[in-house]
Amino acid sequence: MDDIDRRIINTFQGGFPIVERPFAAAARILGLDEADLIARVKALSEAGTISRFGPMWHAEKMGGGLTLTAMKVPEDRFDEVAAIVNSFPEVAHNYAREHALNMWFVVATERPGRIREVLDEIEARTGLAVHDMPKIEEFFVGLRFEA
């Protein structure tokens, strides 16, 4: 990452313009060209520096449900189970972890009752237990890269 990439990440973690041409407006804020900003975000994504670039919805404030879950997945089935888990549109993101519970994912639903339905469906399709760890308290952790 160069200084411009750091500025892009630091500037837009707190919000992104909601206008007809958001990348053009965002580029102006950074003193960049729209095409250059788009190319940089794409390169950061393709390099794995950022895992996603998009809005973060607060499912609960929108009347939905949100929970963190984990599974103990045999290593030889990890890719298979990940594909099953990721096939659910309610799965926001999925991470491998070095832990007995080695697959963690977030489930965000349009209605709170759908959470249990999704977890039950994942258990039925994988034959593995899904551990639901609903949020007790919310914390915001910001990340900034020094230029």
N, C-alpha and C. Protein backbone atom coordinates (compact mmCIF):
# COMPACT_ATOMS: atom_id res chain seq x y z
N MET A 1 0.84 -1.18 0.00
CA MET A 1 0.00 0.00 0.00
C MET A 1 0.88 1.24 0.00
N ASP A 2 0.50 2.18 -0.83
CA ASP A 2 1.21 3.45 -0.79
C ASP A 2 0.39 4.46 0.00
N ASP A 3 0.87 5.69 0.09
CA ASP A 3 0.18 6.71 0.87
C ASP A 3 -1.23 6.99 0.34
N ILE A 4 -1.41 6.93 -0.96
CA ILE A 4 -2.74 7.18 -1.54
C ILE A 4 -3.71 6.07 -1.14
N ASP A 5 -3.26 4.83 -1.20
CA ASP A 5 -4.11 3.72 -0.77
C ASP A 5 -4.51 3.88 0.69
N ARG A 6 -3.57 4.27 1.53
CA ARG A 6 -3.87 4.49 2.96
C ARG A 6 -4.91 5.59 3.11
N ARG A 7 -4.77 6.67 2.35
CA ARG A 7 -5.74 7.78 2.42
C ARG A 7 -7.12 7.30 1.98
N ILE A 8 -7.18 6.49 0.94
CA ILE A 8 -8.47 5.97 0.48
C ILE A 8 -9.14 5.19 1.60
N ILE A 9 -8.42 4.25 2.19
CA ILE A 9 -8.99 3.42 3.26
C ILE A 9 -9.37 4.26 4.47
N ASN A 10 -8.48 5.13 4.90
CA ASN A 10 -8.75 5.95 6.08
C ASN A 10 -9.93 6.90 5.85
N THR A 11 -10.00 7.50 4.69
CA THR A 11 -11.04 8.49 4.41
C THR A 11 -12.43 7.88 4.37
N PHE A 12 -12.57 6.71 3.77
CA PHE A 12 -13.91 6.20 3.52
C PHE A 12 -14.39 5.11 4.46
N GLN A 13 -13.64 4.83 5.52
CA GLN A 13 -14.17 3.90 6.52
C GLN A 13 -15.36 4.48 7.24
N GLY A 14 -15.40 5.79 7.35
CA GLY A 14 -16.49 6.44 8.06
C GLY A 14 -17.66 6.83 7.19
N GLY A 15 -17.58 6.59 5.91
CA GLY A 15 -18.69 6.94 5.02
C GLY A 15 -18.21 7.14 3.60
N PHE A 16 -19.13 7.06 2.69
CA PHE A 16 -18.84 7.20 1.26
C PHE A 16 -19.97 8.04 0.68
N PRO A 17 -19.66 8.91 -0.26
CA PRO A 17 -20.71 9.78 -0.81
C PRO A 17 -21.89 8.99 -1.39
N ILE A 18 -23.08 9.43 -1.07
CA ILE A 18 -24.28 8.81 -1.63
C ILE A 18 -24.86 9.82 -2.62
N VAL A 19 -24.36 9.72 -3.81
CA VAL A 19 -24.75 10.60 -4.91
C VAL A 19 -24.81 9.76 -6.18
N GLU A 20 -25.22 10.39 -7.28
CA GLU A 20 -25.35 9.65 -8.54
C GLU A 20 -24.02 9.04 -8.99
N ARG A 21 -22.91 9.75 -8.80
CA ARG A 21 -21.59 9.24 -9.19
C ARG A 21 -20.69 9.27 -7.95
N PRO A 22 -20.85 8.28 -7.06
CA PRO A 22 -20.12 8.32 -5.79
C PRO A 22 -18.61 8.27 -5.94
N PHE A 23 -18.09 7.52 -6.91
CA PHE A 23 -16.63 7.45 -7.06
C PHE A 23 -16.07 8.77 -7.57
N ALA A 24 -16.83 9.49 -8.38
CA ALA A 24 -16.37 10.81 -8.84
C ALA A 24 -16.30 11.77 -7.66
N ALA A 25 -17.35 11.76 -6.81
CA ALA A 25 -17.35 12.64 -5.64
C ALA A 25 -16.24 12.24 -4.66
N ALA A 26 -16.07 10.94 -4.46
CA ALA A 26 -15.02 10.46 -3.55
C ALA A 26 -13.64 10.83 -4.08
N ALA A 27 -13.45 10.71 -5.39
CA ALA A 27 -12.16 11.05 -5.99
C ALA A 27 -11.84 12.53 -5.77
N ARG A 28 -12.86 13.39 -5.89
CA ARG A 28 -12.63 14.82 -5.67
C ARG A 28 -12.17 15.08 -4.24
N ILE A 29 -12.76 14.39 -3.28
CA ILE A 29 -12.36 14.56 -1.87
C ILE A 29 -10.88 14.24 -1.70
N LEU A 30 -10.42 13.22 -2.40
CA LEU A 30 -9.03 12.76 -2.29
C LEU A 30 -8.07 13.47 -3.25
N GLY A 31 -8.61 14.27 -4.16
CA GLY A 31 -7.77 14.91 -5.17
C GLY A 31 -7.30 13.94 -6.24
N LEU A 32 -8.14 12.95 -6.53
CA LEU A 32 -7.81 11.93 -7.53
C LEU A 32 -8.78 12.00 -8.69
N ASP A 33 -8.47 11.27 -9.73
CA ASP A 33 -9.35 11.06 -10.86
C ASP A 33 -10.28 9.89 -10.54
N GLU A 34 -11.53 9.95 -10.99
CA GLU A 34 -12.50 8.88 -10.71
C GLU A 34 -11.99 7.52 -11.16
N ALA A 35 -11.46 7.44 -12.38
CA ALA A 35 -10.96 6.16 -12.91
C ALA A 35 -9.81 5.63 -12.06
N ASP A 36 -8.95 6.52 -11.60
CA ASP A 36 -7.81 6.10 -10.76
C ASP A 36 -8.32 5.54 -9.43
N LEU A 37 -9.31 6.20 -8.83
CA LEU A 37 -9.86 5.70 -7.57
C LEU A 37 -10.48 4.32 -7.76
N ILE A 38 -11.27 4.15 -8.81
CA ILE A 38 -11.89 2.85 -9.07
C ILE A 38 -10.82 1.78 -9.28
N ALA A 39 -9.78 2.11 -10.04
CA ALA A 39 -8.70 1.15 -10.29
C ALA A 39 -7.97 0.79 -9.00
N ARG A 40 -7.76 1.76 -8.13
CA ARG A 40 -7.07 1.50 -6.87
C ARG A 40 -7.91 0.62 -5.94
N VAL A 41 -9.20 0.89 -5.85
CA VAL A 41 -10.07 0.07 -5.00
C VAL A 41 -10.10 -1.36 -5.55
N LYS A 42 -10.18 -1.50 -6.87
CA LYS A 42 -10.18 -2.83 -7.48
C LYS A 42 -8.85 -3.55 -7.18
N ALA A 43 -7.73 -2.84 -7.30
CA ALA A 43 -6.42 -3.45 -7.04
C ALA A 43 -6.28 -3.85 -5.56
N LEU A 44 -6.77 -3.01 -4.65
CA LEU A 44 -6.72 -3.35 -3.22
C LEU A 44 -7.54 -4.60 -2.94
N SER A 45 -8.67 -4.72 -3.61
CA SER A 45 -9.52 -5.89 -3.44
C SER A 45 -8.86 -7.14 -4.03
N GLU A 46 -8.36 -7.03 -5.25
CA GLU A 46 -7.74 -8.19 -5.90
C GLU A 46 -6.49 -8.66 -5.17
N ALA A 47 -5.78 -7.74 -4.53
CA ALA A 47 -4.57 -8.10 -3.77
C ALA A 47 -4.91 -8.69 -2.40
N GLY A 48 -6.19 -8.59 -2.01
CA GLY A 48 -6.58 -9.09 -0.70
C GLY A 48 -6.32 -8.11 0.42
N THR A 49 -5.91 -6.89 0.08
CA THR A 49 -5.66 -5.87 1.10
C THR A 49 -6.96 -5.47 1.78
N ILE A 50 -8.02 -5.38 0.99
CA ILE A 50 -9.35 -5.17 1.55
C ILE A 50 -10.21 -6.37 1.14
N SER A 51 -11.07 -6.80 2.02
CA SER A 51 -11.90 -7.97 1.71
C SER A 51 -13.23 -7.59 1.08
N ARG A 52 -13.66 -6.37 1.31
CA ARG A 52 -14.89 -5.90 0.69
C ARG A 52 -14.90 -4.39 0.67
N PHE A 53 -15.65 -3.85 -0.26
CA PHE A 53 -15.83 -2.41 -0.37
C PHE A 53 -17.30 -2.18 -0.62
N GLY A 54 -18.02 -1.74 0.39
CA GLY A 54 -19.44 -1.54 0.25
C GLY A 54 -20.04 -1.11 1.57
N PRO A 55 -21.35 -0.92 1.56
CA PRO A 55 -22.00 -0.43 2.78
C PRO A 55 -22.05 -1.48 3.88
N MET A 56 -22.08 -1.00 5.09
CA MET A 56 -22.29 -1.84 6.26
C MET A 56 -23.69 -1.49 6.77
N TRP A 57 -24.62 -2.42 6.64
CA TRP A 57 -25.99 -2.18 7.06
C TRP A 57 -26.14 -2.57 8.53
N HIS A 58 -26.94 -1.84 9.25
CA HIS A 58 -27.23 -2.18 10.64
C HIS A 58 -28.54 -2.94 10.64
N ALA A 59 -28.46 -4.25 10.47
CA ALA A 59 -29.63 -5.10 10.27
C ALA A 59 -30.67 -4.92 11.37
N GLU A 60 -30.22 -4.82 12.60
CA GLU A 60 -31.17 -4.73 13.71
C GLU A 60 -31.96 -3.42 13.67
N LYS A 61 -31.31 -2.32 13.31
CA LYS A 61 -32.01 -1.04 13.23
C LYS A 61 -32.98 -1.02 12.05
N MET A 62 -32.79 -1.93 11.10
CA MET A 62 -33.68 -2.02 9.95
C MET A 62 -34.77 -3.07 10.18
N GLY A 63 -34.85 -3.61 11.42
CA GLY A 63 -35.88 -4.58 11.74
C GLY A 63 -35.45 -6.03 11.55
N GLY A 64 -34.21 -6.25 11.20
CA GLY A 64 -33.71 -7.60 10.95
C GLY A 64 -32.95 -8.17 12.13
N GLY A 65 -32.19 -9.21 11.84
CA GLY A 65 -31.40 -9.88 12.87
C GLY A 65 -29.96 -10.04 12.42
N LEU A 66 -29.07 -10.18 13.38
CA LEU A 66 -27.64 -10.31 13.11
C LEU A 66 -27.03 -11.17 14.20
N THR A 67 -26.17 -12.10 13.79
CA THR A 67 -25.49 -12.93 14.79
C THR A 67 -24.14 -13.41 14.25
N LEU A 68 -23.23 -13.65 15.15
CA LEU A 68 -21.94 -14.25 14.83
C LEU A 68 -22.06 -15.74 15.12
N THR A 69 -21.52 -16.56 14.23
CA THR A 69 -21.60 -18.00 14.42
C THR A 69 -20.25 -18.65 14.15
N ALA A 70 -20.10 -19.86 14.65
CA ALA A 70 -18.85 -20.61 14.43
C ALA A 70 -19.16 -22.08 14.30
N MET A 71 -18.28 -22.76 13.57
CA MET A 71 -18.42 -24.20 13.37
C MET A 71 -17.06 -24.87 13.52
N LYS A 72 -17.09 -26.13 13.93
CA LYS A 72 -15.90 -26.97 13.94
C LYS A 72 -16.00 -27.84 12.67
N VAL A 73 -15.17 -27.52 11.69
CA VAL A 73 -15.25 -28.17 10.38
C VAL A 73 -14.01 -29.02 10.15
N PRO A 74 -14.18 -30.30 9.84
CA PRO A 74 -13.00 -31.12 9.51
C PRO A 74 -12.24 -30.49 8.34
N GLU A 75 -10.92 -30.46 8.45
CA GLU A 75 -10.10 -29.81 7.42
C GLU A 75 -10.39 -30.35 6.02
N ASP A 76 -10.62 -31.66 5.91
CA ASP A 76 -10.86 -32.23 4.58
C ASP A 76 -12.22 -31.85 4.00
N ARG A 77 -13.09 -31.24 4.81
CA ARG A 77 -14.41 -30.78 4.32
C ARG A 77 -14.53 -29.27 4.30
N PHE A 78 -13.44 -28.57 4.65
CA PHE A 78 -13.54 -27.12 4.84
C PHE A 78 -14.09 -26.41 3.61
N ASP A 79 -13.52 -26.67 2.43
CA ASP A 79 -13.98 -25.99 1.21
C ASP A 79 -15.43 -26.33 0.89
N GLU A 80 -15.79 -27.59 1.06
CA GLU A 80 -17.17 -28.03 0.81
C GLU A 80 -18.15 -27.30 1.73
N VAL A 81 -17.83 -27.25 3.02
CA VAL A 81 -18.71 -26.61 3.99
C VAL A 81 -18.74 -25.10 3.76
N ALA A 82 -17.60 -24.51 3.44
CA ALA A 82 -17.57 -23.07 3.15
C ALA A 82 -18.49 -22.75 1.97
N ALA A 83 -18.48 -23.58 0.95
CA ALA A 83 -19.35 -23.36 -0.21
C ALA A 83 -20.82 -23.43 0.18
N ILE A 84 -21.16 -24.36 1.05
CA ILE A 84 -22.55 -24.48 1.52
C ILE A 84 -22.93 -23.25 2.32
N VAL A 85 -22.11 -22.89 3.29
CA VAL A 85 -22.38 -21.73 4.14
C VAL A 85 -22.50 -20.46 3.28
N ASN A 86 -21.57 -20.28 2.37
CA ASN A 86 -21.55 -19.07 1.55
C ASN A 86 -22.68 -19.02 0.53
N SER A 87 -23.36 -20.15 0.31
CA SER A 87 -24.48 -20.16 -0.64
C SER A 87 -25.71 -19.47 -0.08
N PHE A 88 -25.74 -19.22 1.21
CA PHE A 88 -26.87 -18.54 1.84
C PHE A 88 -26.71 -17.04 1.68
N PRO A 89 -27.70 -16.36 1.11
CA PRO A 89 -27.58 -14.91 0.94
C PRO A 89 -27.49 -14.17 2.26
N GLU A 90 -27.92 -14.80 3.35
CA GLU A 90 -27.86 -14.17 4.67
C GLU A 90 -26.46 -14.18 5.27
N VAL A 91 -25.53 -14.93 4.69
CA VAL A 91 -24.16 -14.98 5.23
C VAL A 91 -23.40 -13.77 4.69
N ALA A 92 -23.06 -12.87 5.60
CA ALA A 92 -22.41 -11.62 5.21
C ALA A 92 -20.94 -11.84 4.88
N HIS A 93 -20.24 -12.58 5.69
CA HIS A 93 -18.84 -12.91 5.44
C HIS A 93 -18.46 -14.13 6.27
N ASN A 94 -17.38 -14.79 5.84
CA ASN A 94 -16.99 -16.07 6.40
C ASN A 94 -15.47 -16.08 6.54
N TYR A 95 -14.98 -16.48 7.70
CA TYR A 95 -13.55 -16.46 7.95
C TYR A 95 -13.05 -17.80 8.47
N ALA A 96 -11.89 -18.21 8.02
CA ALA A 96 -11.20 -19.37 8.59
C ALA A 96 -10.40 -18.89 9.79
N ARG A 97 -10.41 -19.66 10.85
CA ARG A 97 -9.66 -19.31 12.06
C ARG A 97 -8.84 -20.51 12.52
N GLU A 98 -7.72 -20.23 13.15
CA GLU A 98 -6.91 -21.28 13.76
C GLU A 98 -7.42 -21.47 15.18
N HIS A 99 -8.38 -22.35 15.32
CA HIS A 99 -9.06 -22.57 16.59
C HIS A 99 -9.86 -23.86 16.42
N ALA A 100 -10.29 -24.47 17.51
CA ALA A 100 -11.15 -25.65 17.41
C ALA A 100 -12.39 -25.32 16.58
N LEU A 101 -12.95 -24.15 16.81
CA LEU A 101 -14.04 -23.64 15.97
C LEU A 101 -13.35 -22.86 14.84
N ASN A 102 -13.16 -23.53 13.72
CA ASN A 102 -12.27 -22.98 12.68
C ASN A 102 -12.98 -22.25 11.55
N MET A 103 -14.31 -22.18 11.58
CA MET A 103 -15.04 -21.40 10.58
C MET A 103 -16.00 -20.47 11.31
N TRP A 104 -15.85 -19.17 11.07
CA TRP A 104 -16.69 -18.16 11.70
C TRP A 104 -17.39 -17.37 10.61
N PHE A 105 -18.66 -17.08 10.82
CA PHE A 105 -19.38 -16.28 9.84
C PHE A 105 -20.48 -15.47 10.50
N VAL A 106 -20.88 -14.41 9.83
CA VAL A 106 -21.93 -13.52 10.31
C VAL A 106 -23.19 -13.79 9.48
N VAL A 107 -24.31 -13.90 10.16
CA VAL A 107 -25.60 -14.08 9.50
C VAL A 107 -26.43 -12.83 9.76
N ALA A 108 -26.89 -12.19 8.68
CA ALA A 108 -27.74 -11.01 8.77
C ALA A 108 -29.04 -11.32 8.03
N THR A 109 -30.16 -11.14 8.71
CA THR A 109 -31.45 -11.52 8.14
C THR A 109 -32.42 -10.34 8.13
N GLU A 110 -33.44 -10.46 7.28
CA GLU A 110 -34.46 -9.41 7.18
C GLU A 110 -35.38 -9.39 8.40
N ARG A 111 -35.51 -10.52 9.07
CA ARG A 111 -36.32 -10.58 10.28
C ARG A 111 -35.57 -11.45 11.29
N PRO A 112 -35.64 -11.10 12.58
CA PRO A 112 -34.87 -11.83 13.60
C PRO A 112 -35.13 -13.34 13.61
N GLY A 113 -36.35 -13.77 13.41
CA GLY A 113 -36.67 -15.20 13.45
C GLY A 113 -36.01 -16.01 12.36
N ARG A 114 -35.56 -15.36 11.31
CA ARG A 114 -34.92 -16.07 10.20
C ARG A 114 -33.54 -16.59 10.60
N ILE A 115 -32.90 -15.99 11.59
CA ILE A 115 -31.56 -16.44 12.01
C ILE A 115 -31.58 -17.93 12.33
N ARG A 116 -32.47 -18.33 13.21
CA ARG A 116 -32.52 -19.75 13.62
C ARG A 116 -32.81 -20.64 12.42
N GLU A 117 -33.67 -20.20 11.52
CA GLU A 117 -33.98 -20.98 10.32
C GLU A 117 -32.73 -21.20 9.48
N VAL A 118 -31.94 -20.14 9.28
CA VAL A 118 -30.71 -20.26 8.48
C VAL A 118 -29.73 -21.20 9.15
N LEU A 119 -29.53 -21.04 10.45
CA LEU A 119 -28.59 -21.90 11.16
C LEU A 119 -29.04 -23.36 11.12
N ASP A 120 -30.33 -23.59 11.27
CA ASP A 120 -30.85 -24.96 11.18
C ASP A 120 -30.63 -25.53 9.77
N GLU A 121 -30.84 -24.73 8.75
CA GLU A 121 -30.63 -25.18 7.37
C GLU A 121 -29.16 -25.52 7.12
N ILE A 122 -28.26 -24.70 7.65
CA ILE A 122 -26.83 -24.97 7.49
C ILE A 122 -26.46 -26.27 8.19
N GLU A 123 -26.97 -26.46 9.41
CA GLU A 123 -26.70 -27.70 10.13
C GLU A 123 -27.22 -28.91 9.36
N ALA A 124 -28.42 -28.79 8.80
CA ALA A 124 -29.01 -29.91 8.06
C ALA A 124 -28.19 -30.23 6.81
N ARG A 125 -27.73 -29.21 6.11
CA ARG A 125 -26.99 -29.44 4.86
C ARG A 125 -25.56 -29.89 5.08
N THR A 126 -24.96 -29.51 6.21
CA THR A 126 -23.56 -29.88 6.46
C THR A 126 -23.42 -31.06 7.41
N GLY A 127 -24.43 -31.31 8.23
CA GLY A 127 -24.33 -32.34 9.26
C GLY A 127 -23.45 -31.92 10.42
N LEU A 128 -23.16 -30.62 10.52
CA LEU A 128 -22.29 -30.10 11.57
C LEU A 128 -23.04 -29.08 12.43
N ALA A 129 -22.65 -29.01 13.70
CA ALA A 129 -23.27 -28.05 14.62
C ALA A 129 -22.83 -26.63 14.28
N VAL A 130 -23.78 -25.70 14.38
CA VAL A 130 -23.49 -24.27 14.21
C VAL A 130 -23.69 -23.63 15.59
N HIS A 131 -22.65 -22.97 16.08
CA HIS A 131 -22.70 -22.33 17.39
C HIS A 131 -23.08 -20.86 17.20
N ASP A 132 -24.23 -20.49 17.73
CA ASP A 132 -24.75 -19.12 17.63
C ASP A 132 -24.23 -18.30 18.79
N MET A 133 -23.63 -17.16 18.47
CA MET A 133 -23.08 -16.27 19.50
C MET A 133 -23.63 -14.86 19.31
N PRO A 134 -24.90 -14.66 19.69
CA PRO A 134 -25.51 -13.36 19.46
C PRO A 134 -24.81 -12.26 20.25
N LYS A 135 -24.88 -11.08 19.69
CA LYS A 135 -24.24 -9.91 20.28
C LYS A 135 -24.91 -9.54 21.60
N ILE A 136 -24.09 -9.28 22.61
CA ILE A 136 -24.59 -8.80 23.89
C ILE A 136 -24.43 -7.29 23.95
N GLU A 137 -23.30 -6.82 23.46
CA GLU A 137 -23.00 -5.39 23.45
C GLU A 137 -22.24 -5.08 22.17
N GLU A 138 -22.51 -3.93 21.58
CA GLU A 138 -21.85 -3.56 20.33
C GLU A 138 -20.69 -2.61 20.60
N PHE A 139 -19.59 -2.86 19.91
CA PHE A 139 -18.41 -2.00 19.99
C PHE A 139 -18.02 -1.59 18.58
N PHE A 140 -17.49 -0.41 18.44
CA PHE A 140 -16.96 0.03 17.15
C PHE A 140 -15.45 0.06 17.27
N VAL A 141 -14.79 -0.64 16.38
CA VAL A 141 -13.33 -0.66 16.35
C VAL A 141 -12.91 -0.07 15.02
N GLY A 142 -12.27 1.08 15.06
CA GLY A 142 -11.80 1.73 13.84
C GLY A 142 -10.37 1.33 13.54
N LEU A 143 -10.03 1.34 12.28
CA LEU A 143 -8.67 1.00 11.85
C LEU A 143 -8.17 2.13 10.97
N ARG A 144 -7.03 2.66 11.29
CA ARG A 144 -6.44 3.72 10.51
C ARG A 144 -5.01 3.35 10.18
N PHE A 145 -4.58 3.66 8.96
CA PHE A 145 -3.22 3.39 8.51
C PHE A 145 -2.45 4.69 8.49
N GLU A 146 -1.31 4.72 9.17
CA GLU A 146 -0.50 5.93 9.18
C GLU A 146 0.14 6.12 7.81
N ALA A 147 0.12 7.35 7.36
CA ALA A 147 0.70 7.68 6.04
C ALA A 147 2.21 7.79 6.11
